[in-house]
Amino acid sequence: MSRISKKFELLKNENKTCLISYVTAGDPSISDSLNIMKTLVNSGTDIIELGVPFSDPMADGPTIQRACERALSQNTSCIDIFELVKNFRKENNQTPVVLMGYLNPIERMGYELFAKLASESGVDAILVVDLPHEEAKDVITIFKKYNLESIFLIAPNTKVKRIKEISKYASGFLYYVSLKGVTGAVTLDVAKTIEQLKSIKESIDLPLAVGFGIKDAETAKILSNAADAIVIGSAIVNIIEKEQDNKSKANDDIMKLMNPIRLKLDEGIVSGDKA
């Protein structure tokens, strides 16, 4: 059983919601990223998503675009990210790590080599933002060869028939994008999102994560009633940007953001299955 499956099974048995945190690898440096990953785990994060910096992150808003720019200014490469995960694994062999990014850097390295090095470093899954499932068969086959799970995105306007098709290719979990548009958007219709999440869960067998636009503990708690995982991204990246010259404060502020979310998600936990 993979780390991701083990994590979701453990959390389900404890009636808890999975907390997934996103940061861009190499922002503001690789060494800082390692410290931030440790801080996230200490703040209650269950799964870490590491963004692979790319020069044209079309699905991301200004916050993560700037994070990619900062990482690329440090010449952060896929090799650097694999080394980052290796160093993280020296102290933590339990927390799943997902690489999230675009197809271009993977193609440049070569699918086979990328998958091999990612697996050897301790990466658990890959989410390729701009790879539709119709074009993913060959890539997924290589990922599977190296025991890497494939995470796919679902948009608010994705039809049920297509969701079912995507779920045939996906493993680990499915990631529901709660907003039309880019990461870091402001307005989230919570009631409508809950309705959509419940509808999606009826159509799939995989765990369902929800992200984009979740910035506080109250929203996370409400959405946790209809999802298996909550993803926090831009709110963390905002802190890193604001305090990039004060690393200690950045880590403290990340703790101040994430601890209340973890506590709120765990509030009122009772034995038995989640509603």
Protein backbone atom coordinates (compact mmCIF):
# COMPACT_ATOMS: atom_id res chain seq x y z
CA MET A 1 0.00 0.00 0.00
CA SER A 2 1.32 3.45 -0.95
CA ARG A 3 2.03 6.22 1.56
CA ILE A 4 -0.96 8.16 0.23
CA SER A 5 -3.36 5.22 0.60
CA LYS A 6 -2.00 4.49 4.07
CA LYS A 7 -2.46 8.13 5.05
CA PHE A 8 -6.06 8.30 3.89
CA GLU A 9 -6.88 4.96 5.51
CA LEU A 10 -5.37 6.06 8.82
CA LEU A 11 -7.22 9.37 8.77
CA LYS A 12 -10.50 7.68 7.84
CA ASN A 13 -10.12 5.31 10.79
CA GLU A 14 -9.55 8.34 13.03
CA ASN A 15 -12.48 10.18 11.40
CA LYS A 16 -10.12 12.99 10.37
CA THR A 17 -9.84 15.12 7.25
CA CYS A 18 -6.55 15.08 5.37
CA LEU A 19 -4.75 18.43 5.36
CA ILE A 20 -2.66 19.01 2.23
CA SER A 21 -0.24 21.94 2.01
CA TYR A 22 1.29 23.38 -1.14
CA VAL A 23 4.59 25.25 -1.48
CA THR A 24 6.76 25.97 -4.50
CA ALA A 25 10.03 24.07 -4.23
CA GLY A 26 13.01 26.42 -4.11
CA ASP A 27 11.02 29.42 -2.86
CA PRO A 28 12.90 31.34 -1.63
CA SER A 29 15.64 28.65 -1.67
CA ILE A 30 15.95 24.86 -1.55
CA SER A 31 17.27 24.92 2.03
CA ASP A 32 14.38 27.14 3.09
CA SER A 33 11.96 24.74 1.41
CA LEU A 34 13.24 21.89 3.57
CA ASN A 35 12.65 23.91 6.74
CA ILE A 36 9.20 24.91 5.52
CA MET A 37 8.29 21.27 4.80
CA LYS A 38 9.25 20.37 8.37
CA THR A 39 7.21 23.30 9.69
CA LEU A 40 4.18 22.18 7.71
CA VAL A 41 4.38 18.66 9.16
CA ASN A 42 4.74 20.10 12.67
CA SER A 43 1.64 22.21 11.96
CA GLY A 44 -0.51 19.17 11.18
CA THR A 45 -0.03 18.78 7.45
CA ASP A 46 -0.71 15.22 6.26
CA ILE A 47 0.45 15.48 2.63
CA ILE A 48 2.87 17.97 1.10
CA GLU A 49 2.49 19.21 -2.47
CA LEU A 50 5.73 20.57 -3.90
CA GLY A 51 5.31 22.86 -6.86
CA VAL A 52 7.86 22.33 -9.62
CA PRO A 53 8.77 25.89 -10.70
CA PHE A 54 8.01 26.68 -14.33
CA SER A 55 8.39 29.87 -16.36
CA ASP A 56 4.82 29.80 -17.67
CA PRO A 57 2.53 28.53 -14.86
CA MET A 58 -0.70 29.25 -16.71
CA ALA A 59 -3.05 27.74 -14.11
CA ASP A 60 -1.57 29.79 -11.28
CA GLY A 61 -2.35 33.30 -10.13
CA PRO A 62 0.15 36.07 -9.37
CA THR A 63 1.11 34.69 -5.95
CA ILE A 64 2.39 31.34 -7.20
CA GLN A 65 3.70 32.88 -10.42
CA ARG A 66 5.97 35.07 -8.30
CA ALA A 67 6.97 32.04 -6.22
CA CYS A 68 8.02 30.27 -9.42
CA GLU A 69 10.02 33.34 -10.43
CA ARG A 70 11.82 33.40 -7.07
CA ALA A 71 12.61 29.69 -7.30
CA LEU A 72 13.82 29.96 -10.88
CA SER A 73 16.01 32.93 -9.95
CA GLN A 74 17.81 30.44 -7.69
CA ASN A 75 18.14 28.10 -10.71
CA THR A 76 15.98 25.49 -8.98
CA SER A 77 15.88 22.35 -11.13
CA CYS A 78 14.10 19.00 -10.95
CA ILE A 79 17.38 17.49 -9.70
CA ASP A 80 17.41 20.05 -6.86
CA ILE A 81 13.84 19.09 -5.97
CA PHE A 82 14.66 15.39 -5.91
CA GLU A 83 17.57 16.17 -3.58
CA LEU A 84 15.19 18.21 -1.41
CA VAL A 85 12.84 15.24 -1.07
CA LYS A 86 15.77 12.92 -0.31
CA ASN A 87 16.83 15.21 2.54
CA PHE A 88 13.26 15.38 3.82
CA ARG A 89 13.07 11.59 3.80
CA LYS A 90 16.12 11.35 6.06
CA GLU A 91 13.86 12.47 8.93
CA ASN A 92 10.37 11.73 7.64
CA ASN A 93 9.40 8.55 5.86
CA GLN A 94 5.67 8.80 6.57
CA THR A 95 4.43 12.08 5.04
CA PRO A 96 3.47 11.63 1.37
CA VAL A 97 5.02 14.08 -1.09
CA VAL A 98 3.28 15.01 -4.35
CA LEU A 99 5.06 16.92 -7.11
CA MET A 100 2.70 19.37 -8.80
CA GLY A 101 3.67 21.12 -12.00
CA TYR A 102 3.59 21.30 -15.75
CA LEU A 103 4.51 18.84 -18.47
CA ASN A 104 7.38 20.81 -20.01
CA PRO A 105 10.04 20.21 -17.30
CA ILE A 106 9.17 16.49 -17.29
CA GLU A 107 9.44 16.26 -21.07
CA ARG A 108 12.76 18.08 -21.04
CA MET A 109 14.23 15.58 -18.60
CA GLY A 110 12.50 12.61 -20.20
CA TYR A 111 9.57 10.74 -18.68
CA GLU A 112 11.55 7.65 -17.77
CA LEU A 113 14.43 9.46 -16.09
CA PHE A 114 12.10 11.88 -14.30
CA ALA A 115 9.99 9.04 -12.91
CA LYS A 116 13.03 7.00 -11.90
CA LEU A 117 14.70 9.86 -10.02
CA ALA A 118 11.44 11.03 -8.46
CA SER A 119 10.72 7.55 -7.12
CA GLU A 120 14.27 7.06 -5.85
CA SER A 121 14.11 10.38 -4.00
CA GLY A 122 10.94 9.43 -2.12
CA VAL A 123 8.26 11.18 -4.16
CA ASP A 124 4.87 9.44 -4.00
CA ALA A 125 2.79 10.99 -6.76
CA ILE A 126 2.82 13.41 -9.67
CA LEU A 127 0.14 15.95 -10.59
CA VAL A 128 0.68 17.34 -14.09
CA VAL A 129 -1.59 20.36 -14.37
CA ASP A 130 -1.65 20.53 -18.19
CA LEU A 131 -1.91 16.81 -18.96
CA PRO A 132 -5.50 15.73 -19.76
CA HIS A 133 -6.31 12.10 -19.10
CA GLU A 134 -6.90 11.48 -22.84
CA GLU A 135 -3.19 12.10 -23.46
CA ALA A 136 -1.85 10.60 -20.23
CA LYS A 137 -1.77 6.85 -20.89
CA ASP A 138 1.89 6.58 -21.86
CA VAL A 139 3.05 8.89 -19.07
CA ILE A 140 0.97 7.11 -16.44
CA THR A 141 2.36 3.76 -17.57
CA ILE A 142 5.87 5.01 -16.87
CA PHE A 143 4.84 6.51 -13.54
CA LYS A 144 3.27 3.21 -12.48
CA LYS A 145 6.46 1.39 -13.40
CA TYR A 146 8.19 3.43 -10.69
CA ASN A 147 5.31 3.22 -8.18
CA LEU A 148 4.30 6.85 -8.66
CA GLU A 149 0.62 7.66 -8.38
CA SER A 150 -1.06 10.03 -10.82
CA ILE A 151 -3.23 12.83 -9.43
CA PHE A 152 -5.71 14.56 -11.72
CA LEU A 153 -7.63 17.82 -11.44
CA ILE A 154 -11.40 18.20 -11.73
CA ALA A 155 -12.88 21.61 -12.56
CA PRO A 156 -16.26 23.04 -11.44
CA ASN A 157 -17.61 22.58 -14.97
CA THR A 158 -16.37 18.99 -15.41
CA LYS A 159 -19.31 16.75 -16.27
CA VAL A 160 -20.02 13.56 -14.31
CA LYS A 161 -19.27 11.34 -17.32
CA ARG A 162 -15.85 12.92 -17.69
CA ILE A 163 -15.17 12.71 -13.94
CA LYS A 164 -15.79 8.97 -14.08
CA GLU A 165 -13.39 8.67 -17.02
CA ILE A 166 -10.71 10.70 -15.25
CA SER A 167 -11.05 8.54 -12.14
CA LYS A 168 -10.11 5.47 -14.21
CA TYR A 169 -6.70 7.00 -14.88
CA ALA A 170 -6.17 8.59 -11.46
CA SER A 171 -4.74 7.08 -8.30
CA GLY A 172 -4.05 8.41 -4.82
CA PHE A 173 -6.81 11.01 -4.83
CA LEU A 174 -8.67 13.39 -7.13
CA TYR A 175 -8.17 17.13 -6.74
CA TYR A 176 -11.28 19.29 -7.15
CA VAL A 177 -10.51 22.87 -8.17
CA SER A 178 -13.20 24.83 -6.34
CA LEU A 179 -12.91 27.96 -8.49
CA LYS A 180 -12.97 28.71 -12.19
CA GLY A 181 -9.77 30.57 -12.90
CA VAL A 182 -6.30 30.56 -11.40
CA THR A 183 -4.92 29.76 -7.96
CA GLY A 184 -5.25 32.40 -5.28
CA ALA A 185 -8.62 33.71 -6.48
CA VAL A 186 -10.63 35.62 -3.89
CA THR A 187 -14.26 34.51 -3.97
CA LEU A 188 -15.38 31.00 -3.07
CA ASP A 189 -19.05 29.99 -3.10
CA VAL A 190 -18.92 27.55 -0.19
CA ALA A 191 -22.50 26.28 -0.47
CA LYS A 192 -22.17 25.57 -4.18
CA THR A 193 -18.79 23.92 -3.66
CA ILE A 194 -20.23 21.57 -1.01
CA GLU A 195 -23.05 20.63 -3.37
CA GLN A 196 -20.57 19.86 -6.16
CA LEU A 197 -18.28 17.87 -3.85
CA LYS A 198 -21.13 15.67 -2.68
CA SER A 199 -22.16 15.02 -6.27
CA ILE A 200 -18.60 14.09 -7.28
CA LYS A 201 -18.14 11.73 -4.33
CA GLU A 202 -21.14 9.74 -5.53
CA SER A 203 -19.34 9.15 -8.83
CA ILE A 204 -15.86 8.10 -7.68
CA ASP A 205 -14.14 5.62 -5.39
CA LEU A 206 -10.96 7.64 -4.78
CA PRO A 207 -10.52 10.14 -1.94
CA LEU A 208 -11.53 13.66 -2.97
CA ALA A 209 -9.45 16.75 -2.17
CA VAL A 210 -10.62 20.33 -2.61
CA GLY A 211 -8.39 23.36 -3.10
CA PHE A 212 -8.10 26.88 -4.58
CA GLY A 213 -9.51 29.77 -2.55
CA ILE A 214 -9.39 28.16 0.93
CA LYS A 215 -7.66 30.64 3.23
CA ASP A 216 -9.04 30.14 6.75
CA ALA A 217 -10.03 27.53 9.32
CA GLU A 218 -13.78 28.12 9.14
CA THR A 219 -13.98 27.56 5.38
CA ALA A 220 -11.74 24.50 5.66
CA LYS A 221 -13.97 23.02 8.36
CA ILE A 222 -17.19 23.57 6.41
CA LEU A 223 -15.77 22.01 3.24
CA SER A 224 -14.37 19.07 5.19
CA ASN A 225 -17.93 17.81 5.64
CA ALA A 226 -18.04 17.01 1.93
CA ALA A 227 -14.38 16.26 1.08
CA ASP A 228 -11.69 13.87 2.24
CA ALA A 229 -8.90 16.45 2.03
CA ILE A 230 -8.46 20.21 2.18
CA VAL A 231 -5.65 21.90 0.23
CA ILE A 232 -4.04 25.13 1.44
CA GLY A 233 -1.66 26.76 -1.03
CA SER A 234 -1.64 30.45 -1.86
CA ALA A 235 -2.14 31.48 1.77
CA ILE A 236 1.13 29.70 2.66
CA VAL A 237 2.97 31.07 -0.36
CA ASN A 238 1.83 34.59 0.55
CA ILE A 239 3.55 34.25 3.91
CA ILE A 240 6.75 32.98 2.30
CA GLU A 241 6.75 35.96 -0.06
CA LYS A 242 6.03 38.50 2.66
CA GLU A 243 8.73 37.17 5.00
CA GLN A 244 11.31 35.92 2.49
CA ASP A 245 13.98 37.98 4.24
CA ASN A 246 12.94 36.82 7.72
CA LYS A 247 12.94 33.03 7.60
CA SER A 248 12.19 32.57 11.29
CA LYS A 249 9.08 34.76 11.12
CA ALA A 250 7.96 33.02 7.95
CA ASN A 251 7.98 29.66 9.71
CA ASP A 252 6.25 31.14 12.76
CA ASP A 253 3.54 32.69 10.61
CA ILE A 254 3.02 29.42 8.72
CA MET A 255 2.47 27.72 12.08
CA LYS A 256 -0.01 30.47 13.04
CA LEU A 257 -1.91 29.89 9.79
CA MET A 258 -1.91 26.10 9.78
CA ASN A 259 -2.33 25.19 13.45
CA PRO A 260 -5.86 26.70 13.71
CA ILE A 261 -6.87 24.96 10.47
CA ARG A 262 -5.68 21.61 11.82
CA LEU A 263 -7.43 22.21 15.14
CA LYS A 264 -10.64 23.28 13.41
CA LEU A 265 -10.64 20.24 11.13
CA ASP A 266 -10.25 18.00 14.19
CA GLU A 267 -12.92 19.84 16.18
CA GLY A 268 -15.79 17.68 17.36
CA ILE A 269 -14.31 14.42 16.09
CA VAL A 270 -16.27 11.36 17.16
CA SER A 271 -15.80 7.71 16.31
CA GLY A 272 -17.41 6.34 13.17
CA ASP A 273 -17.48 7.38 9.55
CA LYS A 274 -17.50 11.02 8.49
CA ALA A 275 -20.76 12.46 7.32
